[in-house]
Protein backbone atom coordinates (compact mmCIF):
# COMPACT_ATOMS: atom_id res chain seq x y z
CA UNK A 1 104.92 -31.47 161.11
CA UNK A 2 106.53 -28.04 160.93
CA UNK A 3 106.54 -25.78 157.87
CA UNK A 4 110.17 -26.60 157.06
CA UNK A 5 109.50 -30.33 157.21
CA UNK A 6 106.46 -29.89 154.94
CA UNK A 7 108.52 -27.99 152.37
CA UNK A 8 111.21 -30.65 152.46
CA UNK A 9 108.62 -33.41 151.97
CA UNK A 10 106.99 -31.49 149.09
CA UNK A 11 110.42 -30.96 147.55
CA UNK A 12 111.23 -34.64 147.89
CA UNK A 13 107.95 -35.64 146.23
CA UNK A 14 108.64 -33.23 143.36
CA UNK A 15 112.18 -34.53 143.01
CA UNK A 16 110.91 -38.13 142.95
CA UNK A 17 108.43 -37.23 140.21
CA UNK A 18 111.11 -35.51 138.14
CA UNK A 19 113.55 -38.40 138.39
CA UNK A 20 110.88 -41.04 137.82
CA UNK A 21 109.63 -39.22 134.73
CA UNK A 22 113.17 -39.03 133.36
CA UNK A 23 113.65 -42.77 133.90
CA UNK A 24 110.21 -43.56 132.42
CA UNK A 25 111.03 -41.46 129.35
CA UNK A 26 114.55 -42.90 128.94
CA UNK A 27 113.92 -46.57 129.74
CA UNK A 28 110.17 -47.03 129.47
CA UNK A 29 107.55 -47.20 132.17
CA UNK A 30 107.48 -50.99 132.42
CA UNK A 31 111.29 -51.28 132.54
CA UNK A 32 111.65 -48.74 135.35
CA UNK A 33 111.37 -50.16 138.85
CA UNK A 34 110.85 -48.42 142.15
CA UNK A 35 114.34 -49.67 143.06
CA UNK A 36 115.81 -47.89 140.00
CA UNK A 37 114.04 -44.67 140.98
CA UNK A 38 115.33 -44.92 144.56
CA UNK A 39 118.87 -45.66 143.36
CA UNK A 40 118.84 -42.72 140.96
CA UNK A 41 117.74 -40.46 143.81
CA UNK A 42 120.27 -41.91 146.23
CA UNK A 43 117.59 -42.87 148.76
CA UNK A 44 116.34 -46.16 150.13
CA UNK A 45 113.31 -47.93 148.71
CA UNK A 46 111.65 -47.43 152.10
CA UNK A 47 112.12 -43.68 151.78
CA UNK A 48 110.64 -43.78 148.29
CA UNK A 49 107.67 -45.85 149.48
CA UNK A 50 107.11 -43.29 152.25
CA UNK A 51 106.19 -40.79 149.52
CA UNK A 52 104.68 -43.04 146.84
CA UNK A 53 103.27 -46.55 147.16
CA UNK A 54 103.89 -47.40 143.50
CA UNK A 55 104.95 -46.16 140.08
CA UNK A 56 101.25 -45.68 139.33
CA UNK A 57 101.00 -43.27 142.26
CA UNK A 58 103.92 -41.27 140.87
CA UNK A 59 102.23 -40.99 137.48
CA UNK A 60 98.91 -40.04 139.09
CA UNK A 61 100.72 -37.29 141.02
CA UNK A 62 102.29 -35.98 137.80
CA UNK A 63 98.89 -35.88 136.09
CA UNK A 64 97.17 -34.35 139.13
CA UNK A 65 99.78 -31.60 139.27
CA UNK A 66 99.20 -30.82 135.60
CA UNK A 67 95.41 -30.78 136.10
CA UNK A 68 95.70 -28.52 139.14
CA UNK A 69 97.95 -26.04 137.34
CA UNK A 70 95.59 -26.05 134.35
CA UNK A 71 92.58 -25.41 136.61
CA UNK A 72 94.42 -22.48 138.22
CA UNK A 73 95.18 -21.05 134.77
CA UNK A 74 91.53 -21.31 133.73
CA UNK A 75 90.28 -19.70 136.95
CA UNK A 76 92.72 -16.82 136.48
CA UNK A 77 91.91 -16.38 132.78
CA UNK A 78 88.15 -16.38 133.28
CA UNK A 79 88.54 -13.34 135.57
CA UNK A 80 90.52 -11.34 132.98
CA UNK A 81 89.38 -9.03 130.20
CA UNK A 82 88.95 -11.13 127.02
CA UNK A 83 91.00 -10.25 123.98
CA UNK A 84 94.17 -10.97 122.02
CA UNK A 85 96.53 -10.09 124.91
CA UNK A 86 94.75 -12.52 127.22
CA UNK A 87 94.84 -15.27 124.59
CA UNK A 88 98.59 -14.81 124.15
CA UNK A 89 99.16 -14.87 127.91
CA UNK A 90 97.00 -17.98 128.37
CA UNK A 91 98.88 -19.73 125.61
CA UNK A 92 102.22 -18.77 127.17
CA UNK A 93 101.13 -20.01 130.60
CA UNK A 94 99.76 -23.22 129.02
CA UNK A 95 103.16 -23.79 127.43
CA UNK A 96 104.82 -23.23 130.82
CA UNK A 97 102.56 -25.87 132.40
CA UNK A 98 102.93 -28.40 129.61
CA UNK A 99 106.67 -27.88 129.25
CA UNK A 100 107.44 -27.87 132.97
CA UNK A 101 109.05 -31.28 132.60
CA UNK A 102 110.50 -30.51 129.18
CA UNK A 103 109.85 -33.02 126.44
CA UNK A 104 109.99 -35.96 128.87
CA UNK A 105 106.29 -35.86 129.84
CA UNK A 106 105.19 -35.73 126.21
CA UNK A 107 107.46 -38.60 125.27
CA UNK A 108 106.35 -40.62 128.26
CA UNK A 109 102.66 -40.15 127.50
CA UNK A 110 103.05 -40.89 123.79
CA UNK A 111 105.13 -44.03 124.46
CA UNK A 112 102.87 -45.33 127.23
CA UNK A 113 99.26 -44.93 126.07
CA UNK A 114 98.17 -48.25 127.58
CA UNK A 115 99.73 -47.55 130.97
CA UNK A 116 98.27 -44.05 131.00
CA UNK A 117 94.78 -45.41 130.26
CA UNK A 118 95.09 -47.93 133.08
CA UNK A 119 96.59 -45.53 135.60
CA UNK A 120 94.41 -42.48 134.87
CA UNK A 121 91.19 -43.87 133.35
CA UNK A 122 89.06 -40.77 134.02
CA UNK A 123 89.97 -38.20 131.37
CA UNK A 124 86.80 -36.15 131.87
CA UNK A 125 88.59 -33.57 134.02
CA UNK A 126 91.18 -32.76 131.36
CA UNK A 127 88.57 -32.85 128.58
CA UNK A 128 86.46 -30.30 130.45
CA UNK A 129 89.50 -28.11 131.10
CA UNK A 130 90.43 -28.20 127.42
CA UNK A 131 86.91 -27.11 126.46
CA UNK A 132 87.21 -24.14 128.80
CA UNK A 133 90.65 -23.25 127.42
CA UNK A 134 89.33 -23.46 123.86
CA UNK A 135 86.54 -21.04 124.82
CA UNK A 136 89.06 -18.59 126.30
CA UNK A 137 91.29 -18.77 123.20
CA UNK A 138 88.47 -18.43 120.68
CA UNK A 139 87.33 -14.91 119.75
CA UNK A 140 83.59 -14.19 119.78
CA UNK A 141 81.85 -15.11 116.52
CA UNK A 142 84.98 -16.93 115.32
CA UNK A 143 84.88 -18.71 111.99
CA UNK A 144 85.36 -22.45 111.88
CA UNK A 145 88.95 -21.83 110.75
CA UNK A 146 89.61 -19.56 113.74
CA UNK A 147 88.03 -22.06 116.12
CA UNK A 148 90.45 -24.66 114.76
CA UNK A 149 93.37 -22.25 115.02
CA UNK A 150 92.62 -21.75 118.73
CA UNK A 151 92.50 -25.50 119.33
CA UNK A 152 95.59 -26.20 117.25
CA UNK A 153 97.54 -23.52 119.10
CA UNK A 154 97.19 -25.66 122.25
CA UNK A 155 97.83 -28.90 120.36
CA UNK A 156 101.15 -27.65 118.96
CA UNK A 157 102.50 -27.38 122.50
CA UNK A 158 101.36 -30.91 123.35
CA UNK A 159 102.38 -32.59 120.10
CA UNK A 160 105.98 -31.41 120.09
CA UNK A 161 107.13 -34.26 122.32
CA UNK A 162 105.64 -36.84 120.01
CA UNK A 163 106.90 -35.33 116.78
CA UNK A 164 110.28 -33.82 117.56
CA UNK A 165 112.15 -36.75 119.09
CA UNK A 166 114.45 -37.32 116.14
CA UNK A 167 115.18 -33.67 115.36
CA UNK A 168 118.76 -32.43 115.39
CA UNK A 169 118.05 -29.57 117.80
CA UNK A 170 118.28 -28.95 121.52
CA UNK A 171 115.23 -29.32 123.72
CA UNK A 172 115.26 -25.57 124.35
CA UNK A 173 115.28 -24.84 120.60
CA UNK A 174 112.42 -27.25 120.00
CA UNK A 175 110.31 -25.89 122.85
CA UNK A 176 110.94 -22.26 121.78
CA UNK A 177 109.94 -23.08 118.20
CA UNK A 178 106.77 -24.82 119.43
CA UNK A 179 105.83 -21.71 121.43
CA UNK A 180 106.39 -19.48 118.39
CA UNK A 181 104.36 -21.68 116.05
CA UNK A 182 101.62 -21.96 118.64
CA UNK A 183 101.41 -18.19 119.05
CA UNK A 184 101.32 -17.71 115.27
CA UNK A 185 98.27 -19.98 115.07
CA UNK A 186 96.19 -17.93 117.51
CA UNK A 187 93.22 -16.21 115.89
CA UNK A 188 93.68 -12.45 115.59
CA UNK A 189 90.09 -11.36 116.34
CA UNK A 190 88.94 -9.49 119.44
């Protein structure tokens, strides 16, 4: 397969994930069929099955992408000079990763806990990544309050999808406010 064909396939997989996530968030995971995803994309079911064997595979790909991007962030951050500027940059990049799909991913995960547990039963990878991110965001000799601030700064980004669904504000306004609140929570120490 040539480079152009590989890019097209990668683009198609990403487009499938985006559309599927939108349908999962709007109609529910169980109510969304592979046929509905294919129809929304304007492709045949056979073309969809070429890329993903099932809805579960689509969700696994979404989670794997998030884990990969988080691992890349951690590897980058661990090579940088620790301090407040790094913590702010890590938090900003974390928000970029978590908000890549807007509020849809958050809403999907919060509305589909059972499906997520069945589809992605091994959470140890994300738990380990979160521990490493907490360490990066926590200043040396931080108080208990500052340790919590570091952890909550990440949680604000993740919780916005679960808590802001009924707000009279645009998605962009909500996500910008979540970033601001998250940054305000970061501990100030060196």
